[in-house]
């Protein structure tokens, strides 16, 4: 599969009713899952090709206030669309549901992470360029 086919599949999956999809082709595996209705989570998860097991997810930071956006995959965290560009979000900034808050790169494929609801960004936890684990807390926010 090429990148365009993967993106089209992800778009169709996101628009459809299915809540999970697993595609295996040779050594390539793509897993897509959606949160159950009413659960705040990032809707798309892509998996790397089958390989050695990854350690258990890093637990999310304790919720002092509001919610936490967690990493939907293992990858490199980018706070901005390109080096030297303004970050997608800063603490104190208001975001709308579906707005891109960061990018995760895995195997040269960029995946946008979107705000699960409208709210205020409280804290961006990882440093730009930092490797993050599946389930690791990325951004703390307060709904509203």
N, C-alpha and C. Protein backbone atom coordinates (compact mmCIF):
# COMPACT_ATOMS: atom_id res chain seq x y z
N UNK A 1 0.84 -1.18 0.00
CA UNK A 1 0.00 0.00 0.00
C UNK A 1 0.88 1.24 0.00
N UNK A 2 0.46 2.23 -0.78
CA UNK A 2 1.20 3.48 -0.74
C UNK A 2 0.54 4.43 0.26
N UNK A 3 1.20 5.56 0.52
CA UNK A 3 0.69 6.50 1.53
C UNK A 3 -0.71 7.00 1.18
N UNK A 4 -0.94 7.31 -0.08
CA UNK A 4 -2.25 7.84 -0.48
C UNK A 4 -3.36 6.82 -0.19
N UNK A 5 -3.11 5.55 -0.48
CA UNK A 5 -4.11 4.51 -0.20
C UNK A 5 -4.36 4.39 1.30
N UNK A 6 -3.31 4.51 2.10
CA UNK A 6 -3.46 4.45 3.55
C UNK A 6 -4.29 5.61 4.05
N UNK A 7 -3.99 6.82 3.56
CA UNK A 7 -4.76 8.00 3.99
C UNK A 7 -6.22 7.89 3.57
N UNK A 8 -6.49 7.38 2.37
CA UNK A 8 -7.87 7.20 1.92
C UNK A 8 -8.60 6.19 2.80
N UNK A 9 -7.91 5.10 3.14
CA UNK A 9 -8.50 4.09 4.02
C UNK A 9 -8.80 4.69 5.39
N UNK A 10 -7.88 5.50 5.91
CA UNK A 10 -8.08 6.13 7.21
C UNK A 10 -9.28 7.09 7.15
N UNK A 11 -9.40 7.86 6.08
CA UNK A 11 -10.54 8.78 5.94
C UNK A 11 -11.86 8.02 5.89
N UNK A 12 -11.91 6.95 5.10
CA UNK A 12 -13.14 6.16 4.99
C UNK A 12 -13.49 5.51 6.32
N UNK A 13 -12.48 5.00 7.02
CA UNK A 13 -12.71 4.39 8.32
C UNK A 13 -13.26 5.43 9.30
N UNK A 14 -12.64 6.62 9.30
CA UNK A 14 -13.06 7.67 10.21
C UNK A 14 -14.51 8.09 9.95
N UNK A 15 -14.93 8.09 8.69
CA UNK A 15 -16.29 8.49 8.33
C UNK A 15 -17.31 7.36 8.53
N UNK A 16 -16.84 6.13 8.61
CA UNK A 16 -17.74 4.98 8.72
C UNK A 16 -18.17 4.67 10.13
N UNK A 17 -18.93 3.57 10.27
CA UNK A 17 -19.47 3.16 11.57
C UNK A 17 -18.59 2.16 12.31
N UNK A 18 -17.68 1.50 11.62
CA UNK A 18 -16.82 0.50 12.28
C UNK A 18 -15.98 1.18 13.35
N UNK A 19 -15.71 0.45 14.45
CA UNK A 19 -14.90 1.03 15.51
C UNK A 19 -13.47 0.48 15.54
N UNK A 20 -13.21 -0.60 14.77
CA UNK A 20 -11.84 -1.08 14.66
C UNK A 20 -11.64 -1.78 13.32
N UNK A 21 -10.39 -1.73 12.87
CA UNK A 21 -10.01 -2.35 11.61
C UNK A 21 -8.56 -2.77 11.72
N UNK A 22 -8.25 -3.96 11.28
CA UNK A 22 -6.87 -4.44 11.26
C UNK A 22 -6.59 -4.97 9.86
N UNK A 23 -5.53 -4.48 9.23
CA UNK A 23 -5.12 -4.89 7.89
C UNK A 23 -3.69 -5.39 7.96
N UNK A 24 -3.46 -6.62 7.51
CA UNK A 24 -2.13 -7.20 7.50
C UNK A 24 -1.79 -7.56 6.06
N UNK A 25 -0.64 -7.07 5.60
CA UNK A 25 -0.17 -7.37 4.25
C UNK A 25 1.33 -7.61 4.33
N UNK A 26 1.74 -8.87 4.30
CA UNK A 26 3.15 -9.20 4.44
C UNK A 26 3.64 -8.79 5.82
N UNK A 27 4.71 -7.94 5.87
CA UNK A 27 5.22 -7.48 7.16
C UNK A 27 4.63 -6.13 7.57
N UNK A 28 3.62 -5.66 6.85
CA UNK A 28 2.96 -4.39 7.15
C UNK A 28 1.64 -4.65 7.87
N UNK A 29 1.42 -3.96 8.99
CA UNK A 29 0.17 -4.06 9.73
C UNK A 29 -0.35 -2.66 9.99
N UNK A 30 -1.64 -2.47 9.74
CA UNK A 30 -2.29 -1.20 10.01
C UNK A 30 -3.49 -1.48 10.89
N UNK A 31 -3.54 -0.84 12.06
CA UNK A 31 -4.66 -1.00 12.97
C UNK A 31 -5.30 0.36 13.18
N UNK A 32 -6.60 0.43 12.99
CA UNK A 32 -7.35 1.66 13.21
C UNK A 32 -8.43 1.38 14.24
N UNK A 33 -8.56 2.25 15.23
CA UNK A 33 -9.60 2.09 16.23
C UNK A 33 -10.20 3.45 16.55
N UNK A 34 -11.46 3.43 16.95
CA UNK A 34 -12.15 4.65 17.39
C UNK A 34 -12.56 4.44 18.83
N UNK A 35 -12.63 5.54 19.56
CA UNK A 35 -13.12 5.48 20.93
C UNK A 35 -14.62 5.25 20.90
N UNK A 36 -15.11 4.61 21.93
CA UNK A 36 -16.56 4.41 22.04
C UNK A 36 -17.22 5.77 22.17
N UNK A 37 -18.46 5.93 21.70
CA UNK A 37 -19.14 7.22 21.81
C UNK A 37 -19.13 7.75 23.24
N UNK A 38 -18.85 9.04 23.37
CA UNK A 38 -18.82 9.67 24.68
C UNK A 38 -17.49 9.58 25.39
N UNK A 39 -16.50 8.92 24.79
CA UNK A 39 -15.19 8.81 25.40
C UNK A 39 -14.25 9.75 24.68
N UNK A 40 -13.54 10.60 25.41
CA UNK A 40 -12.61 11.55 24.81
C UNK A 40 -11.30 10.84 24.54
N UNK A 41 -10.98 10.63 23.27
CA UNK A 41 -9.73 10.00 22.88
C UNK A 41 -9.43 10.37 21.45
N UNK A 42 -8.18 10.19 21.05
CA UNK A 42 -7.81 10.43 19.67
C UNK A 42 -8.36 9.29 18.85
N UNK A 43 -9.06 9.55 17.73
CA UNK A 43 -9.80 8.52 17.05
C UNK A 43 -9.01 7.53 16.21
N UNK A 44 -7.80 7.81 15.79
CA UNK A 44 -7.12 6.92 14.86
C UNK A 44 -5.83 6.40 15.48
N UNK A 45 -5.56 5.11 15.26
CA UNK A 45 -4.34 4.50 15.75
C UNK A 45 -3.73 3.70 14.61
N UNK A 46 -2.47 3.96 14.30
CA UNK A 46 -1.78 3.20 13.27
C UNK A 46 -0.64 2.44 13.94
N UNK A 47 -0.45 1.21 13.56
CA UNK A 47 0.60 0.38 14.16
C UNK A 47 1.75 0.21 13.19
N UNK A 48 2.94 0.05 13.73
CA UNK A 48 4.12 -0.19 12.92
C UNK A 48 4.10 -1.64 12.45
N UNK A 49 4.96 -1.99 11.47
CA UNK A 49 5.02 -3.38 11.03
C UNK A 49 5.30 -4.30 12.21
N UNK A 50 4.82 -5.53 12.07
CA UNK A 50 5.00 -6.51 13.13
C UNK A 50 6.48 -6.65 13.46
N UNK A 51 6.80 -6.71 14.71
CA UNK A 51 8.20 -6.81 15.13
C UNK A 51 8.24 -7.15 16.59
N UNK A 52 9.35 -6.79 17.25
CA UNK A 52 9.46 -7.09 18.66
C UNK A 52 8.39 -6.34 19.46
N UNK A 53 7.97 -6.95 20.53
CA UNK A 53 6.92 -6.36 21.36
C UNK A 53 7.41 -5.06 21.98
N UNK A 54 6.51 -4.11 22.12
CA UNK A 54 6.82 -2.83 22.75
C UNK A 54 6.42 -2.95 24.21
N UNK A 55 7.18 -2.31 25.08
CA UNK A 55 6.87 -2.39 26.51
C UNK A 55 5.51 -1.79 26.78
N UNK A 56 5.01 -2.01 27.96
CA UNK A 56 3.68 -1.53 28.36
C UNK A 56 3.58 -0.03 28.17
N UNK A 57 2.37 0.48 27.89
CA UNK A 57 2.20 1.92 27.70
C UNK A 57 2.62 2.71 28.94
N UNK A 58 3.15 3.90 28.69
CA UNK A 58 3.52 4.79 29.78
C UNK A 58 2.23 5.37 30.32
N UNK A 59 2.00 5.30 31.62
CA UNK A 59 0.74 5.80 32.15
C UNK A 59 0.61 7.30 31.93
N UNK A 60 -0.62 7.75 31.75
CA UNK A 60 -0.89 9.16 31.57
C UNK A 60 -0.55 9.90 32.86
N UNK A 61 -0.21 11.19 32.70
CA UNK A 61 0.09 12.01 33.87
C UNK A 61 -1.16 12.12 34.73
N UNK A 62 -1.00 12.22 36.02
CA UNK A 62 -2.18 12.34 36.87
C UNK A 62 -2.99 13.56 36.44
N UNK A 63 -4.29 13.38 36.40
CA UNK A 63 -5.16 14.46 35.98
C UNK A 63 -5.42 15.39 37.15
N UNK A 64 -4.76 16.56 37.13
CA UNK A 64 -5.00 17.55 38.16
C UNK A 64 -6.27 18.30 37.83
N UNK A 65 -6.49 18.52 36.54
CA UNK A 65 -7.64 19.30 36.10
C UNK A 65 -7.85 18.96 34.63
N UNK A 66 -9.09 18.72 34.23
CA UNK A 66 -9.38 18.49 32.83
C UNK A 66 -8.98 17.11 32.34
N UNK A 67 -8.72 17.01 31.04
CA UNK A 67 -8.40 15.74 30.40
C UNK A 67 -6.99 15.70 29.86
N UNK A 68 -6.64 14.55 29.31
CA UNK A 68 -5.31 14.35 28.75
C UNK A 68 -5.46 13.73 27.37
N UNK A 69 -4.75 14.28 26.40
CA UNK A 69 -4.66 13.69 25.07
C UNK A 69 -3.46 12.77 25.11
N UNK A 70 -3.66 11.51 24.76
CA UNK A 70 -2.57 10.53 24.82
C UNK A 70 -2.10 10.15 23.42
N UNK A 71 -0.91 9.60 23.35
CA UNK A 71 -0.33 9.19 22.07
C UNK A 71 -1.06 7.97 21.53
N UNK A 72 -1.59 8.05 20.28
CA UNK A 72 -2.29 6.92 19.71
C UNK A 72 -1.34 5.88 19.11
N UNK A 73 -0.04 6.20 19.09
CA UNK A 73 0.97 5.29 18.53
C UNK A 73 2.33 5.65 19.07
N UNK A 74 3.30 4.79 18.86
CA UNK A 74 4.68 5.06 19.22
C UNK A 74 5.28 5.90 18.10
N UNK A 75 5.93 6.99 18.44
CA UNK A 75 6.51 7.83 17.40
C UNK A 75 7.24 9.02 17.97
N UNK A 76 7.68 9.89 17.08
CA UNK A 76 8.37 11.12 17.46
C UNK A 76 7.35 12.25 17.54
N UNK A 77 7.35 12.97 18.65
CA UNK A 77 6.41 14.06 18.89
C UNK A 77 6.93 15.34 18.26
N UNK A 78 6.06 16.00 17.49
CA UNK A 78 6.40 17.30 16.93
C UNK A 78 5.31 18.29 17.32
N UNK A 79 5.71 19.39 17.95
CA UNK A 79 4.78 20.41 18.41
C UNK A 79 4.40 21.40 17.31
N UNK A 80 5.17 21.43 16.22
CA UNK A 80 4.95 22.38 15.13
C UNK A 80 4.94 21.64 13.79
N UNK A 81 4.35 22.25 12.76
CA UNK A 81 4.28 21.58 11.45
C UNK A 81 5.62 21.44 10.74
N UNK A 82 6.60 22.29 11.10
CA UNK A 82 7.93 22.19 10.51
C UNK A 82 8.93 22.86 11.45
N UNK A 83 10.22 22.54 11.30
CA UNK A 83 11.22 23.16 12.17
C UNK A 83 11.18 24.69 12.03
N UNK A 84 11.19 25.37 13.16
CA UNK A 84 11.18 26.83 13.16
C UNK A 84 9.80 27.45 13.06
N UNK A 85 8.77 26.65 12.78
CA UNK A 85 7.40 27.17 12.68
C UNK A 85 6.80 27.32 14.07
N UNK A 86 5.75 28.11 14.16
CA UNK A 86 5.02 28.27 15.42
C UNK A 86 4.39 26.93 15.80
N UNK A 87 4.34 26.60 17.10
CA UNK A 87 3.71 25.35 17.52
C UNK A 87 2.21 25.35 17.22
N UNK A 88 1.64 24.16 17.07
CA UNK A 88 0.20 24.04 16.84
C UNK A 88 -0.58 24.68 17.98
N UNK A 89 -0.16 24.41 19.22
CA UNK A 89 -0.85 24.95 20.40
C UNK A 89 0.17 25.36 21.47
N UNK A 90 -0.29 26.28 22.32
CA UNK A 90 0.51 26.72 23.47
C UNK A 90 -0.40 26.69 24.71
N UNK A 91 0.18 26.55 25.90
CA UNK A 91 -0.63 26.61 27.10
C UNK A 91 -1.43 27.92 27.15
N UNK A 92 -2.70 27.81 27.54
CA UNK A 92 -3.58 28.97 27.61
C UNK A 92 -4.37 29.21 26.33
N UNK A 93 -3.99 28.52 25.26
CA UNK A 93 -4.67 28.71 23.97
C UNK A 93 -5.97 27.93 23.92
N UNK A 94 -6.99 28.53 23.31
CA UNK A 94 -8.27 27.86 23.10
C UNK A 94 -8.19 27.05 21.81
N UNK A 95 -8.71 25.81 21.84
CA UNK A 95 -8.76 24.95 20.65
C UNK A 95 -10.19 24.49 20.42
N UNK A 96 -10.46 24.14 19.19
CA UNK A 96 -11.77 23.60 18.81
C UNK A 96 -11.65 22.10 18.59
N UNK A 97 -12.76 21.39 18.72
CA UNK A 97 -12.77 19.94 18.48
C UNK A 97 -12.26 19.68 17.07
N UNK A 98 -11.34 18.72 16.94
CA UNK A 98 -10.79 18.35 15.65
C UNK A 98 -9.58 19.17 15.22
N UNK A 99 -9.23 20.20 15.97
CA UNK A 99 -8.07 21.01 15.62
C UNK A 99 -6.79 20.21 15.89
N UNK A 100 -5.82 20.30 14.98
CA UNK A 100 -4.55 19.61 15.16
C UNK A 100 -3.78 20.23 16.31
N UNK A 101 -3.32 19.39 17.25
CA UNK A 101 -2.58 19.88 18.41
C UNK A 101 -1.10 19.47 18.38
N UNK A 102 -0.78 18.45 17.58
CA UNK A 102 0.60 18.02 17.41
C UNK A 102 0.66 16.99 16.29
N UNK A 103 1.87 16.56 15.95
CA UNK A 103 2.07 15.52 14.94
C UNK A 103 2.94 14.43 15.56
N UNK A 104 2.62 13.17 15.25
CA UNK A 104 3.49 12.06 15.62
C UNK A 104 4.00 11.43 14.33
N UNK A 105 5.31 11.20 14.28
CA UNK A 105 5.92 10.57 13.11
C UNK A 105 6.34 9.16 13.47
N UNK A 106 5.91 8.22 12.64
CA UNK A 106 6.31 6.82 12.80
C UNK A 106 6.62 6.28 11.42
N UNK A 107 7.82 5.82 11.23
CA UNK A 107 8.25 5.23 9.96
C UNK A 107 8.01 6.20 8.79
N UNK A 108 8.39 7.46 8.98
CA UNK A 108 8.29 8.53 7.98
C UNK A 108 6.85 8.85 7.59
N UNK A 109 5.90 8.39 8.40
CA UNK A 109 4.49 8.71 8.16
C UNK A 109 4.04 9.65 9.27
N UNK A 110 3.53 10.81 8.88
CA UNK A 110 3.09 11.81 9.85
C UNK A 110 1.61 11.59 10.18
N UNK A 111 1.29 11.58 11.45
CA UNK A 111 -0.10 11.41 11.91
C UNK A 111 -0.47 12.62 12.77
N UNK A 112 -1.50 13.34 12.33
CA UNK A 112 -1.95 14.48 13.11
C UNK A 112 -2.75 13.98 14.32
N UNK A 113 -2.51 14.59 15.46
CA UNK A 113 -3.28 14.30 16.67
C UNK A 113 -4.21 15.49 16.85
N UNK A 114 -5.50 15.21 17.03
CA UNK A 114 -6.50 16.27 17.08
C UNK A 114 -7.13 16.39 18.46
N UNK A 115 -7.60 17.60 18.74
CA UNK A 115 -8.29 17.86 20.01
C UNK A 115 -9.60 17.08 20.02
N UNK A 116 -9.88 16.33 21.09
CA UNK A 116 -11.11 15.55 21.16
C UNK A 116 -12.35 16.40 21.45
N UNK A 117 -12.13 17.65 21.89
CA UNK A 117 -13.25 18.54 22.22
C UNK A 117 -12.73 19.97 22.24
N UNK A 118 -13.64 20.92 22.29
CA UNK A 118 -13.24 22.32 22.45
C UNK A 118 -12.75 22.52 23.87
N UNK A 119 -11.72 23.36 24.03
CA UNK A 119 -11.22 23.60 25.37
C UNK A 119 -10.00 24.49 25.38
N UNK A 120 -9.33 24.51 26.52
CA UNK A 120 -8.14 25.32 26.74
C UNK A 120 -6.96 24.39 27.00
N UNK A 121 -5.85 24.63 26.32
CA UNK A 121 -4.63 23.84 26.53
C UNK A 121 -4.01 24.26 27.85
N UNK A 122 -3.76 23.30 28.73
CA UNK A 122 -3.13 23.57 30.02
C UNK A 122 -1.63 23.35 29.98
N UNK A 123 -1.20 22.28 29.29
CA UNK A 123 0.22 21.93 29.29
C UNK A 123 0.54 21.00 28.13
N UNK A 124 1.68 21.26 27.47
CA UNK A 124 2.22 20.35 26.46
C UNK A 124 3.34 19.61 27.16
N UNK A 125 3.21 18.28 27.30
CA UNK A 125 4.10 17.51 28.16
C UNK A 125 5.43 17.10 27.52
N UNK A 126 5.47 16.47 26.33
CA UNK A 126 6.78 16.08 25.78
C UNK A 126 7.50 17.26 25.13
N UNK A 127 8.79 17.14 24.98
CA UNK A 127 9.59 18.12 24.27
C UNK A 127 9.49 17.84 22.76
N UNK A 128 9.63 18.87 21.94
CA UNK A 128 9.61 18.71 20.50
C UNK A 128 10.73 17.75 20.09
N UNK A 129 10.41 16.76 19.26
CA UNK A 129 11.39 15.78 18.81
C UNK A 129 11.57 14.59 19.73
N UNK A 130 10.83 14.54 20.82
CA UNK A 130 10.95 13.46 21.81
C UNK A 130 10.20 12.22 21.34
N UNK A 131 10.77 11.04 21.57
CA UNK A 131 10.10 9.78 21.26
C UNK A 131 9.04 9.53 22.34
N UNK A 132 7.81 9.23 21.91
CA UNK A 132 6.74 8.96 22.86
C UNK A 132 6.22 7.55 22.66
N UNK A 133 5.67 6.98 23.71
CA UNK A 133 5.13 5.63 23.69
C UNK A 133 3.62 5.66 23.52
N UNK A 134 3.06 4.55 23.06
CA UNK A 134 1.61 4.41 22.95
C UNK A 134 0.99 4.67 24.31
N UNK A 135 -0.02 5.53 24.37
CA UNK A 135 -0.72 5.81 25.61
C UNK A 135 -0.08 6.87 26.48
N UNK A 136 1.10 7.37 26.09
CA UNK A 136 1.78 8.39 26.89
C UNK A 136 1.00 9.70 26.82
N UNK A 137 0.91 10.41 27.93
CA UNK A 137 0.23 11.71 27.98
C UNK A 137 1.01 12.72 27.15
N UNK A 138 0.30 13.41 26.24
CA UNK A 138 0.93 14.42 25.39
C UNK A 138 0.53 15.84 25.80
N UNK A 139 -0.77 16.04 25.97
CA UNK A 139 -1.28 17.39 26.22
C UNK A 139 -2.39 17.33 27.26
N UNK A 140 -2.29 18.21 28.26
CA UNK A 140 -3.37 18.35 29.24
C UNK A 140 -4.25 19.50 28.79
N UNK A 141 -5.57 19.33 28.94
CA UNK A 141 -6.50 20.38 28.53
C UNK A 141 -7.69 20.43 29.49
N UNK A 142 -8.42 21.53 29.40
CA UNK A 142 -9.65 21.68 30.17
C UNK A 142 -10.78 21.93 29.17
N UNK A 143 -11.84 21.14 29.26
CA UNK A 143 -12.97 21.31 28.35
C UNK A 143 -13.64 22.65 28.60
N UNK A 144 -14.22 23.15 27.52
CA UNK A 144 -15.00 24.37 27.69
C UNK A 144 -14.78 25.40 26.69
